[in-house]
């Protein structure tokens, strides 16, 4: 018996997805024999097509043989979709699209359970739950090709995609000694407080050393010492002015995103007792195959050597 177009495509995409007739039938709420009849010339009820397409990870158009991506400019189409999304929801939409793409990548694996688990994950609101801190808030996809991490709760939506370079992740990092310098700097008394204070101001605002001292409840000399040290480490920019009371330093941030992002991803390392998250690990080799900084184009943290060094970072603000 000649197969219908839809039946032939169901067979093709079912085999490509690596699932059995029984699994597809279970998803669609029909028997294995019904799936077999589709693939041998029958046609499923029209209301089942979206369910079948979802389980096979294709579009309904694909079941009708209309899947033609060769002539589509997917970058342009996705760009148009993002542009048409209201600005207030645009970043969240981008996170959702990244999550969709990571799921599609994982669903190409031969581990069938992953398909159902990931398909059932939707962004949730944990604000009304009795134990929100015990609710899974992230999904990690870890393969030899890279790492993807997504926040799956409404209060913490985020997405990170980190393809593994040919030289390994070590080539994306600075040397271990440079990270130790950073951690020692941030662990000094009131240094993190000072940075957090600067981050509470608008991007185009500057803070005087006197205001910073008053906000932190420390002496002017201590505030100046901290701000100047942060300046030497290229974390803030500095101008010097004078009024009738004497010289005064004015400080601001070159960039507004590093600290919140840094603290967020530090939180990934601070797993709490009872915390639950989903880890999809298909990795077979170590995450680091060399010392951090090996093969990196920028392994060092080049900072200003003295308070007299006037060289500035090449940061473009738009």
C-alpha atoms as a PDB file:
ATOM      1  CA  UNK A   1       0.000   0.000   0.000  1.00  0.00           C
ATOM      2  CA  UNK A   2       1.402   3.390  -0.939  1.00  0.00           C
ATOM      3  CA  UNK A   3       2.054   5.717   1.963  1.00  0.00           C
ATOM      4  CA  UNK A   4       0.345   9.085   2.160  1.00  0.00           C
ATOM      5  CA  UNK A   5       2.545  12.157   2.300  1.00  0.00           C
ATOM      6  CA  UNK A   6       1.820  12.712   5.986  1.00  0.00           C
ATOM      7  CA  UNK A   7       2.414   9.070   6.884  1.00  0.00           C
ATOM      8  CA  UNK A   8       5.715   9.005   5.041  1.00  0.00           C
ATOM      9  CA  UNK A   9       6.850  12.138   6.857  1.00  0.00           C
ATOM     10  CA  UNK A  10       5.754  10.788  10.248  1.00  0.00           C
ATOM     11  CA  UNK A  11       7.857   7.691   9.592  1.00  0.00           C
ATOM     12  CA  UNK A  12      10.830   9.773   8.494  1.00  0.00           C
ATOM     13  CA  UNK A  13      10.767  12.148  11.446  1.00  0.00           C
ATOM     14  CA  UNK A  14      10.010   9.392  13.958  1.00  0.00           C
ATOM     15  CA  UNK A  15      13.118   7.495  12.906  1.00  0.00           C
ATOM     16  CA  UNK A  16      15.151  10.706  12.881  1.00  0.00           C
ATOM     17  CA  UNK A  17      14.007  11.411  16.461  1.00  0.00           C
ATOM     18  CA  UNK A  18      14.915   7.869  17.486  1.00  0.00           C
ATOM     19  CA  UNK A  19      11.561   7.028  19.058  1.00  0.00           C
ATOM     20  CA  UNK A  20       9.372   3.964  18.652  1.00  0.00           C
ATOM     21  CA  UNK A  21       5.834   3.707  17.335  1.00  0.00           C
ATOM     22  CA  UNK A  22       4.745   2.894  20.874  1.00  0.00           C
ATOM     23  CA  UNK A  23       6.338   6.088  22.244  1.00  0.00           C
ATOM     24  CA  UNK A  24       4.719   8.226  19.559  1.00  0.00           C
ATOM     25  CA  UNK A  25       1.366   6.565  20.130  1.00  0.00           C
ATOM     26  CA  UNK A  26       1.601   7.167  23.862  1.00  0.00           C
ATOM     27  CA  UNK A  27       2.297  10.870  23.277  1.00  0.00           C
ATOM     28  CA  UNK A  28      -0.675  11.145  20.890  1.00  0.00           C
ATOM     29  CA  UNK A  29      -3.006   9.021  23.021  1.00  0.00           C
ATOM     30  CA  UNK A  30      -3.423   6.290  20.414  1.00  0.00           C
ATOM     31  CA  UNK A  31      -2.314   2.690  20.028  1.00  0.00           C
ATOM     32  CA  UNK A  32       0.872   1.458  18.412  1.00  0.00           C
ATOM     33  CA  UNK A  33      -1.292  -0.053  15.686  1.00  0.00           C
ATOM     34  CA  UNK A  34      -2.740   3.384  14.895  1.00  0.00           C
ATOM     35  CA  UNK A  35       0.747   4.807  14.380  1.00  0.00           C
ATOM     36  CA  UNK A  36       1.570   1.861  12.149  1.00  0.00           C
ATOM     37  CA  UNK A  37      -1.544   2.528  10.071  1.00  0.00           C
ATOM     38  CA  UNK A  38      -0.526   6.187   9.636  1.00  0.00           C
ATOM     39  CA  UNK A  39       2.876   5.154   8.368  1.00  0.00           C
ATOM     40  CA  UNK A  40       1.342   2.624   6.015  1.00  0.00           C
ATOM     41  CA  UNK A  41      -1.042   5.011   4.316  1.00  0.00           C
ATOM     42  CA  UNK A  42      -3.500   6.225   6.915  1.00  0.00           C
ATOM     43  CA  UNK A  43      -3.874   9.803   8.102  1.00  0.00           C
ATOM     44  CA  UNK A  44      -4.105  10.917  11.748  1.00  0.00           C
ATOM     45  CA  UNK A  45      -6.971  13.079  12.911  1.00  0.00           C
ATOM     46  CA  UNK A  46      -6.193  16.720  12.299  1.00  0.00           C
ATOM     47  CA  UNK A  47      -6.381  17.619  16.008  1.00  0.00           C
ATOM     48  CA  UNK A  48      -3.512  15.181  16.678  1.00  0.00           C
ATOM     49  CA  UNK A  49      -1.098  16.845  14.261  1.00  0.00           C
ATOM     50  CA  UNK A  50       0.249  19.469  16.721  1.00  0.00           C
ATOM     51  CA  UNK A  51       0.877  16.754  19.357  1.00  0.00           C
ATOM     52  CA  UNK A  52       2.614  14.537  16.813  1.00  0.00           C
ATOM     53  CA  UNK A  53       4.725  17.423  15.534  1.00  0.00           C
ATOM     54  CA  UNK A  54       5.753  18.394  19.067  1.00  0.00           C
ATOM     55  CA  UNK A  55       6.807  14.839  19.928  1.00  0.00           C
ATOM     56  CA  UNK A  56       8.786  14.558  16.705  1.00  0.00           C
ATOM     57  CA  UNK A  57      10.349  18.022  17.295  1.00  0.00           C
ATOM     58  CA  UNK A  58       9.187  19.374  13.928  1.00  0.00           C
ATOM     59  CA  UNK A  59       6.547  21.811  12.720  1.00  0.00           C
ATOM     60  CA  UNK A  60       3.088  20.837  11.505  1.00  0.00           C
ATOM     61  CA  UNK A  61       4.161  22.173   8.103  1.00  0.00           C
ATOM     62  CA  UNK A  62       6.947  19.578   8.097  1.00  0.00           C
ATOM     63  CA  UNK A  63       4.391  16.789   8.442  1.00  0.00           C
ATOM     64  CA  UNK A  64       2.791  18.090   5.237  1.00  0.00           C
ATOM     65  CA  UNK A  65       6.176  18.143   3.510  1.00  0.00           C
ATOM     66  CA  UNK A  66       6.388  21.938   3.544  1.00  0.00           C
ATOM     67  CA  UNK A  67       9.541  22.189   5.661  1.00  0.00           C
ATOM     68  CA  UNK A  68      11.956  24.162   3.513  1.00  0.00           C
ATOM     69  CA  UNK A  69      14.600  25.963   5.549  1.00  0.00           C
ATOM     70  CA  UNK A  70      17.166  26.235   2.747  1.00  0.00           C
ATOM     71  CA  UNK A  71      15.488  29.301   1.334  1.00  0.00           C
ATOM     72  CA  UNK A  72      14.854  30.925   4.714  1.00  0.00           C
ATOM     73  CA  UNK A  73      17.084  33.543   6.253  1.00  0.00           C
ATOM     74  CA  UNK A  74      16.585  32.408   9.831  1.00  0.00           C
ATOM     75  CA  UNK A  75      18.761  35.166  11.254  1.00  0.00           C
ATOM     76  CA  UNK A  76      16.620  37.785   9.554  1.00  0.00           C
ATOM     77  CA  UNK A  77      13.368  36.099  10.593  1.00  0.00           C
ATOM     78  CA  UNK A  78      14.452  35.829  14.211  1.00  0.00           C
ATOM     79  CA  UNK A  79      15.646  39.421  14.146  1.00  0.00           C
ATOM     80  CA  UNK A  80      12.238  40.524  12.893  1.00  0.00           C
ATOM     81  CA  UNK A  81      10.469  38.566  15.625  1.00  0.00           C
ATOM     82  CA  UNK A  82      12.634  40.152  18.321  1.00  0.00           C
ATOM     83  CA  UNK A  83      12.147  43.616  16.836  1.00  0.00           C
ATOM     84  CA  UNK A  84       8.362  43.156  16.928  1.00  0.00           C
ATOM     85  CA  UNK A  85       8.423  42.100  20.590  1.00  0.00           C
ATOM     86  CA  UNK A  86       7.530  44.941  22.992  1.00  0.00           C
ATOM     87  CA  UNK A  87      10.705  46.439  24.404  1.00  0.00           C
ATOM     88  CA  UNK A  88       9.731  45.691  28.005  1.00  0.00           C
ATOM     89  CA  UNK A  89       9.630  41.948  27.234  1.00  0.00           C
ATOM     90  CA  UNK A  90      12.378  41.728  24.617  1.00  0.00           C
ATOM     91  CA  UNK A  91      15.210  40.413  26.816  1.00  0.00           C
ATOM     92  CA  UNK A  92      12.946  37.788  28.349  1.00  0.00           C
ATOM     93  CA  UNK A  93      11.902  36.711  24.843  1.00  0.00           C
ATOM     94  CA  UNK A  94      15.563  36.341  23.869  1.00  0.00           C
ATOM     95  CA  UNK A  95      16.084  34.094  26.915  1.00  0.00           C
ATOM     96  CA  UNK A  96      13.118  31.974  25.835  1.00  0.00           C
ATOM     97  CA  UNK A  97      14.497  31.549  22.321  1.00  0.00           C
ATOM     98  CA  UNK A  98      17.905  30.524  23.695  1.00  0.00           C
ATOM     99  CA  UNK A  99      16.148  27.993  25.936  1.00  0.00           C
ATOM    100  CA  UNK A 100      14.242  26.642  22.932  1.00  0.00           C
ATOM    101  CA  UNK A 101      17.466  26.221  20.952  1.00  0.00           C
ATOM    102  CA  UNK A 102      19.255  24.481  23.825  1.00  0.00           C
ATOM    103  CA  UNK A 103      16.348  22.077  24.193  1.00  0.00           C
ATOM    104  CA  UNK A 104      16.467  21.340  20.464  1.00  0.00           C
ATOM    105  CA  UNK A 105      20.185  20.595  20.729  1.00  0.00           C
ATOM    106  CA  UNK A 106      19.670  18.229  23.673  1.00  0.00           C
ATOM    107  CA  UNK A 107      16.766  16.541  21.939  1.00  0.00           C
ATOM    108  CA  UNK A 108      19.101  15.494  19.140  1.00  0.00           C
ATOM    109  CA  UNK A 109      20.782  13.134  21.604  1.00  0.00           C
ATOM    110  CA  UNK A 110      19.918   9.450  21.747  1.00  0.00           C
ATOM    111  CA  UNK A 111      18.770   9.648  25.373  1.00  0.00           C
ATOM    112  CA  UNK A 112      15.009   9.610  24.907  1.00  0.00           C
ATOM    113  CA  UNK A 113      14.118  10.518  28.488  1.00  0.00           C
ATOM    114  CA  UNK A 114      15.734  13.921  27.984  1.00  0.00           C
ATOM    115  CA  UNK A 115      13.147  14.787  25.335  1.00  0.00           C
ATOM    116  CA  UNK A 116      10.187  14.375  27.672  1.00  0.00           C
ATOM    117  CA  UNK A 117      11.871  16.006  30.673  1.00  0.00           C
ATOM    118  CA  UNK A 118      12.907  19.121  28.779  1.00  0.00           C
ATOM    119  CA  UNK A 119       9.603  19.412  26.932  1.00  0.00           C
ATOM    120  CA  UNK A 120       7.811  19.561  30.280  1.00  0.00           C
ATOM    121  CA  UNK A 121       9.916  22.378  31.737  1.00  0.00           C
ATOM    122  CA  UNK A 122       8.240  25.746  31.636  1.00  0.00           C
ATOM    123  CA  UNK A 123       9.298  28.967  33.356  1.00  0.00           C
ATOM    124  CA  UNK A 124       7.600  29.001  36.755  1.00  0.00           C
ATOM    125  CA  UNK A 125       6.717  31.541  39.398  1.00  0.00           C
ATOM    126  CA  UNK A 126       8.164  30.388  42.727  1.00  0.00           C
ATOM    127  CA  UNK A 127       7.082  33.450  44.726  1.00  0.00           C
ATOM    128  CA  UNK A 128       4.012  31.698  46.131  1.00  0.00           C
ATOM    129  CA  UNK A 129       5.655  28.356  46.856  1.00  0.00           C
ATOM    130  CA  UNK A 130       6.185  27.276  50.489  1.00  0.00           C
ATOM    131  CA  UNK A 131       9.918  26.648  49.939  1.00  0.00           C
ATOM    132  CA  UNK A 132      11.037  28.749  46.963  1.00  0.00           C
ATOM    133  CA  UNK A 133      14.726  28.222  47.776  1.00  0.00           C
ATOM    134  CA  UNK A 134      14.219  24.462  47.310  1.00  0.00           C
ATOM    135  CA  UNK A 135      12.684  24.896  43.851  1.00  0.00           C
ATOM    136  CA  UNK A 136      14.826  24.148  40.813  1.00  0.00           C
ATOM    137  CA  UNK A 137      15.792  27.478  39.231  1.00  0.00           C
ATOM    138  CA  UNK A 138      18.293  26.510  36.536  1.00  0.00           C
ATOM    139  CA  UNK A 139      18.926  23.909  33.866  1.00  0.00           C
ATOM    140  CA  UNK A 140      22.478  23.082  32.799  1.00  0.00           C
ATOM    141  CA  UNK A 141      23.233  21.454  29.448  1.00  0.00           C
ATOM    142  CA  UNK A 142      26.804  20.162  29.416  1.00  0.00           C
ATOM    143  CA  UNK A 143      28.295  18.452  26.362  1.00  0.00           C
ATOM    144  CA  UNK A 144      31.724  18.120  24.793  1.00  0.00           C
ATOM    145  CA  UNK A 145      30.641  20.880  22.391  1.00  0.00           C
ATOM    146  CA  UNK A 146      29.851  23.438  25.055  1.00  0.00           C
ATOM    147  CA  UNK A 147      27.820  24.478  28.065  1.00  0.00           C
ATOM    148  CA  UNK A 148      24.379  26.073  28.174  1.00  0.00           C
ATOM    149  CA  UNK A 149      22.715  27.354  31.341  1.00  0.00           C
ATOM    150  CA  UNK A 150      19.228  28.823  31.609  1.00  0.00           C
ATOM    151  CA  UNK A 151      17.231  30.249  34.478  1.00  0.00           C
ATOM    152  CA  UNK A 152      13.800  28.630  34.513  1.00  0.00           C
ATOM    153  CA  UNK A 153      12.072  30.753  37.164  1.00  0.00           C
ATOM    154  CA  UNK A 154      10.329  34.052  36.536  1.00  0.00           C
ATOM    155  CA  UNK A 155      12.317  35.895  39.173  1.00  0.00           C
ATOM    156  CA  UNK A 156      15.642  34.893  37.630  1.00  0.00           C
ATOM    157  CA  UNK A 157      15.429  34.504  33.824  1.00  0.00           C
ATOM    158  CA  UNK A 158      18.847  34.289  32.162  1.00  0.00           C
ATOM    159  CA  UNK A 159      20.644  32.378  29.448  1.00  0.00           C
ATOM    160  CA  UNK A 160      24.303  31.549  28.871  1.00  0.00           C
ATOM    161  CA  UNK A 161      25.663  29.695  25.851  1.00  0.00           C
ATOM    162  CA  UNK A 162      29.365  28.885  25.965  1.00  0.00           C
ATOM    163  CA  UNK A 163      30.531  26.899  22.923  1.00  0.00           C
ATOM    164  CA  UNK A 164      33.748  25.056  23.657  1.00  0.00           C
ATOM    165  CA  UNK A 165      36.565  26.425  21.466  1.00  0.00           C
ATOM    166  CA  UNK A 166      38.935  24.108  19.672  1.00  0.00           C
ATOM    167  CA  UNK A 167      41.679  25.005  22.157  1.00  0.00           C
ATOM    168  CA  UNK A 168      39.408  24.306  25.132  1.00  0.00           C
ATOM    169  CA  UNK A 169      37.914  26.566  27.772  1.00  0.00           C
ATOM    170  CA  UNK A 170      41.362  27.315  29.209  1.00  0.00           C
ATOM    171  CA  UNK A 171      42.024  29.499  26.170  1.00  0.00           C
ATOM    172  CA  UNK A 172      39.053  31.710  27.098  1.00  0.00           C
ATOM    173  CA  UNK A 173      40.358  32.387  30.599  1.00  0.00           C
ATOM    174  CA  UNK A 174      43.033  34.424  32.256  1.00  0.00           C
ATOM    175  CA  UNK A 175      45.784  32.812  34.278  1.00  0.00           C
ATOM    176  CA  UNK A 176      44.896  31.456  37.711  1.00  0.00           C
ATOM    177  CA  UNK A 177      47.056  34.103  39.391  1.00  0.00           C
ATOM    178  CA  UNK A 178      44.937  36.865  37.886  1.00  0.00           C
ATOM    179  CA  UNK A 179      41.757  35.448  39.391  1.00  0.00           C
ATOM    180  CA  UNK A 180      43.472  35.230  42.766  1.00  0.00           C
ATOM    181  CA  UNK A 181      44.311  38.926  42.433  1.00  0.00           C
ATOM    182  CA  UNK A 182      40.655  39.704  41.782  1.00  0.00           C
ATOM    183  CA  UNK A 183      39.404  37.629  44.715  1.00  0.00           C
ATOM    184  CA  UNK A 184      41.947  39.183  47.072  1.00  0.00           C
ATOM    185  CA  UNK A 185      40.921  42.656  45.914  1.00  0.00           C
ATOM    186  CA  UNK A 186      37.207  42.060  46.451  1.00  0.00           C
ATOM    187  CA  UNK A 187      37.836  40.491  49.858  1.00  0.00           C
ATOM    188  CA  UNK A 188      39.500  43.631  51.231  1.00  0.00           C
ATOM    189  CA  UNK A 189      37.367  45.491  53.804  1.00  0.00           C
ATOM    190  CA  UNK A 190      34.688  47.698  52.205  1.00  0.00           C
ATOM    191  CA  UNK A 191      35.877  47.135  48.603  1.00  0.00           C
ATOM    192  CA  UNK A 192      32.801  45.170  47.557  1.00  0.00           C
ATOM    193  CA  UNK A 193      30.652  47.650  49.480  1.00  0.00           C
ATOM    194  CA  UNK A 194      32.189  50.492  47.485  1.00  0.00           C
ATOM    195  CA  UNK A 195      31.545  48.793  44.157  1.00  0.00           C
ATOM    196  CA  UNK A 196      27.976  47.986  45.127  1.00  0.00           C
ATOM    197  CA  UNK A 197      27.461  51.625  46.090  1.00  0.00           C
ATOM    198  CA  UNK A 198      28.673  52.779  42.670  1.00  0.00           C
ATOM    199  CA  UNK A 199      26.282  50.344  41.005  1.00  0.00           C
ATOM    200  CA  UNK A 200      23.314  51.976  42.750  1.00  0.00           C
ATOM    201  CA  UNK A 201      23.778  55.137  40.661  1.00  0.00           C
ATOM    202  CA  UNK A 202      22.671  55.746  37.083  1.00  0.00           C
ATOM    203  CA  UNK A 203      25.253  54.948  34.392  1.00  0.00           C
ATOM    204  CA  UNK A 204      25.928  58.621  33.621  1.00  0.00           C
ATOM    205  CA  UNK A 205      26.239  59.632  37.270  1.00  0.00           C
ATOM    206  CA  UNK A 206      29.516  60.189  39.109  1.00  0.00           C
ATOM    207  CA  UNK A 207      30.201  60.009  42.827  1.00  0.00           C
ATOM    208  CA  UNK A 208      32.554  62.193  44.817  1.00  0.00           C
ATOM    209  CA  UNK A 209      34.925  60.614  47.280  1.00  0.00           C
ATOM    210  CA  UNK A 210      33.160  62.617  50.005  1.00  0.00           C
ATOM    211  CA  UNK A 211      29.741  61.233  49.119  1.00  0.00           C
ATOM    212  CA  UNK A 212      31.142  57.688  48.958  1.00  0.00           C
ATOM    213  CA  UNK A 213      32.703  58.113  52.383  1.00  0.00           C
ATOM    214  CA  UNK A 214      29.425  59.353  53.834  1.00  0.00           C
ATOM    215  CA  UNK A 215      27.400  56.539  52.226  1.00  0.00           C
ATOM    216  CA  UNK A 216      29.719  53.844  53.605  1.00  0.00           C
ATOM    217  CA  UNK A 217      30.266  55.545  56.958  1.00  0.00           C
ATOM    218  CA  UNK A 218      34.045  55.587  56.617  1.00  0.00           C
ATOM    219  CA  UNK A 219      36.667  58.306  56.641  1.00  0.00           C
ATOM    220  CA  UNK A 220      37.409  60.366  53.563  1.00  0.00           C
ATOM    221  CA  UNK A 221      40.961  59.020  53.520  1.00  0.00           C
ATOM    222  CA  UNK A 222      39.751  55.413  53.549  1.00  0.00           C
ATOM    223  CA  UNK A 223      37.195  56.098  50.803  1.00  0.00           C
ATOM    224  CA  UNK A 224      39.843  57.729  48.624  1.00  0.00           C
ATOM    225  CA  UNK A 225      42.254  54.846  49.173  1.00  0.00           C
ATOM    226  CA  UNK A 226      39.635  52.272  48.150  1.00  0.00           C
ATOM    227  CA  UNK A 227      38.463  54.242  45.106  1.00  0.00           C
ATOM    228  CA  UNK A 228      42.008  54.903  43.950  1.00  0.00           C
ATOM    229  CA  UNK A 229      42.866  51.216  44.287  1.00  0.00           C
ATOM    230  CA  UNK A 230      39.769  50.295  42.257  1.00  0.00           C
ATOM    231  CA  UNK A 231      40.890  52.874  39.708  1.00  0.00           C
ATOM    232  CA  UNK A 232      44.338  51.282  39.522  1.00  0.00           C
ATOM    233  CA  UNK A 233      42.608  47.959  38.883  1.00  0.00           C
ATOM    234  CA  UNK A 234      40.572  49.467  36.012  1.00  0.00           C
ATOM    235  CA  UNK A 235      37.236  48.993  37.758  1.00  0.00           C
ATOM    236  CA  UNK A 236      36.307  52.664  37.940  1.00  0.00           C
ATOM    237  CA  UNK A 237      37.217  55.849  36.130  1.00  0.00           C
ATOM    238  CA  UNK A 238      38.439  58.928  37.948  1.00  0.00           C
ATOM    239  CA  UNK A 239      38.557  62.684  37.556  1.00  0.00           C
ATOM    240  CA  UNK A 240      40.140  65.186  39.902  1.00  0.00           C
ATOM    241  CA  UNK A 241      38.619  68.587  40.613  1.00  0.00           C
ATOM    242  CA  UNK A 242      38.957  71.203  43.316  1.00  0.00           C
ATOM    243  CA  UNK A 243      36.642  73.635  45.057  1.00  0.00           C
ATOM    244  CA  UNK A 244      37.025  76.031  47.945  1.00  0.00           C
ATOM    245  CA  UNK A 245      37.368  73.116  50.374  1.00  0.00           C
ATOM    246  CA  UNK A 246      40.253  71.536  48.482  1.00  0.00           C
ATOM    247  CA  UNK A 247      40.892  68.713  45.992  1.00  0.00           C
ATOM    248  CA  UNK A 248      38.152  66.208  45.347  1.00  0.00           C
ATOM    249  CA  UNK A 249      37.987  62.953  43.379  1.00  0.00           C
ATOM    250  CA  UNK A 250      35.002  62.115  41.197  1.00  0.00           C
ATOM    251  CA  UNK A 251      34.465  58.464  40.284  1.00  0.00           C
ATOM    252  CA  UNK A 252      32.196  56.477  38.001  1.00  0.00           C
ATOM    253  CA  UNK A 253      31.872  53.096  36.343  1.00  0.00           C
ATOM    254  CA  UNK A 254      33.268  52.341  32.910  1.00  0.00           C
ATOM    255  CA  UNK A 255      30.885  49.420  32.526  1.00  0.00           C
ATOM    256  CA  UNK A 256      27.651  48.627  34.313  1.00  0.00           C
ATOM    257  CA  UNK A 257      27.232  44.919  33.690  1.00  0.00           C
ATOM    258  CA  UNK A 258      30.280  43.024  35.088  1.00  0.00           C
ATOM    259  CA  UNK A 259      29.531  42.949  38.814  1.00  0.00           C
ATOM    260  CA  UNK A 260      25.871  41.773  38.699  1.00  0.00           C
ATOM    261  CA  UNK A 261      26.768  39.108  36.119  1.00  0.00           C
ATOM    262  CA  UNK A 262      29.813  38.056  38.153  1.00  0.00           C
ATOM    263  CA  UNK A 263      27.790  37.754  41.353  1.00  0.00           C
ATOM    264  CA  UNK A 264      24.974  35.886  39.586  1.00  0.00           C
ATOM    265  CA  UNK A 265      27.297  33.231  38.241  1.00  0.00           C
ATOM    266  CA  UNK A 266      29.203  33.021  41.514  1.00  0.00           C
ATOM    267  CA  UNK A 267      25.816  31.992  42.863  1.00  0.00           C
ATOM    268  CA  UNK A 268      25.942  28.945  40.593  1.00  0.00           C
ATOM    269  CA  UNK A 269      28.851  27.696  42.699  1.00  0.00           C
ATOM    270  CA  UNK A 270      27.047  28.368  45.995  1.00  0.00           C
ATOM    271  CA  UNK A 271      24.742  25.373  45.988  1.00  0.00           C
ATOM    272  CA  UNK A 272      22.566  25.234  49.089  1.00  0.00           C
ATOM    273  CA  UNK A 273      21.486  22.195  51.069  1.00  0.00           C
ATOM    274  CA  UNK A 274      18.309  20.824  49.536  1.00  0.00           C
ATOM    275  CA  UNK A 275      18.662  22.866  46.345  1.00  0.00           C
ATOM    276  CA  UNK A 276      17.301  21.103  43.277  1.00  0.00           C
ATOM    277  CA  UNK A 277      18.349  21.804  39.703  1.00  0.00           C
ATOM    278  CA  UNK A 278      18.416  19.850  36.480  1.00  0.00           C
ATOM    279  CA  UNK A 279      21.763  18.817  35.035  1.00  0.00           C
ATOM    280  CA  UNK A 280      21.807  17.273  31.565  1.00  0.00           C
ATOM    281  CA  UNK A 281      25.365  15.998  31.195  1.00  0.00           C
ATOM    282  CA  UNK A 282      26.434  14.427  27.928  1.00  0.00           C
ATOM    283  CA  UNK A 283      30.093  15.336  28.452  1.00  0.00           C
ATOM    284  CA  UNK A 284      32.751  12.637  28.137  1.00  0.00           C
ATOM    285  CA  UNK A 285      35.916  14.733  28.588  1.00  0.00           C
ATOM    286  CA  UNK A 286      37.133  17.115  31.325  1.00  0.00           C
ATOM    287  CA  UNK A 287      35.837  20.676  31.308  1.00  0.00           C
ATOM    288  CA  UNK A 288      39.405  21.995  31.611  1.00  0.00           C
ATOM    289  CA  UNK A 289      42.110  20.189  29.678  1.00  0.00           C
ATOM    290  CA  UNK A 290      44.875  22.703  30.465  1.00  0.00           C
ATOM    291  CA  UNK A 291      45.836  25.379  32.965  1.00  0.00           C
ATOM    292  CA  UNK A 292      43.605  28.473  32.767  1.00  0.00           C
ATOM    293  CA  UNK A 293      45.041  30.963  30.300  1.00  0.00           C
ATOM    294  CA  UNK A 294      46.759  28.340  28.143  1.00  0.00           C
ATOM    295  CA  UNK A 295      46.417  29.531  24.558  1.00  0.00           C
ATOM    296  CA  UNK A 296      44.496  32.651  25.623  1.00  0.00           C
ATOM    297  CA  UNK A 297      44.943  35.849  23.632  1.00  0.00           C
ATOM    298  CA  UNK A 298      44.542  37.871  26.846  1.00  0.00           C
ATOM    299  CA  UNK A 299      45.790  35.787  29.808  1.00  0.00           C
ATOM    300  CA  UNK A 300      46.886  38.764  31.945  1.00  0.00           C
ATOM    301  CA  UNK A 301      45.036  41.418  33.928  1.00  0.00           C
ATOM    302  CA  UNK A 302      46.872  44.553  32.879  1.00  0.00           C
ATOM    303  CA  UNK A 303      46.182  47.236  35.474  1.00  0.00           C
ATOM    304  CA  UNK A 304      47.468  50.722  36.118  1.00  0.00           C
ATOM    305  CA  UNK A 305      50.744  50.498  37.990  1.00  0.00           C
ATOM    306  CA  UNK A 306      50.443  53.675  40.043  1.00  0.00           C
ATOM    307  CA  UNK A 307      47.883  56.338  40.844  1.00  0.00           C
ATOM    308  CA  UNK A 308      49.755  58.575  38.411  1.00  0.00           C
ATOM    309  CA  UNK A 309      49.138  56.264  35.464  1.00  0.00           C
ATOM    310  CA  UNK A 310      46.589  58.142  33.324  1.00  0.00           C
ATOM    311  CA  UNK A 311      46.093  55.481  30.662  1.00  0.00           C
ATOM    312  CA  UNK A 312      42.455  54.593  30.136  1.00  0.00           C
ATOM    313  CA  UNK A 313      40.663  51.478  29.021  1.00  0.00           C
ATOM    314  CA  UNK A 314      39.337  51.371  25.492  1.00  0.00           C
ATOM    315  CA  UNK A 315      35.653  51.168  26.358  1.00  0.00           C
ATOM    316  CA  UNK A 316      33.052  52.430  23.910  1.00  0.00           C
ATOM    317  CA  UNK A 317      29.861  53.694  25.525  1.00  0.00           C
ATOM    318  CA  UNK A 318      26.863  53.909  23.189  1.00  0.00           C
END
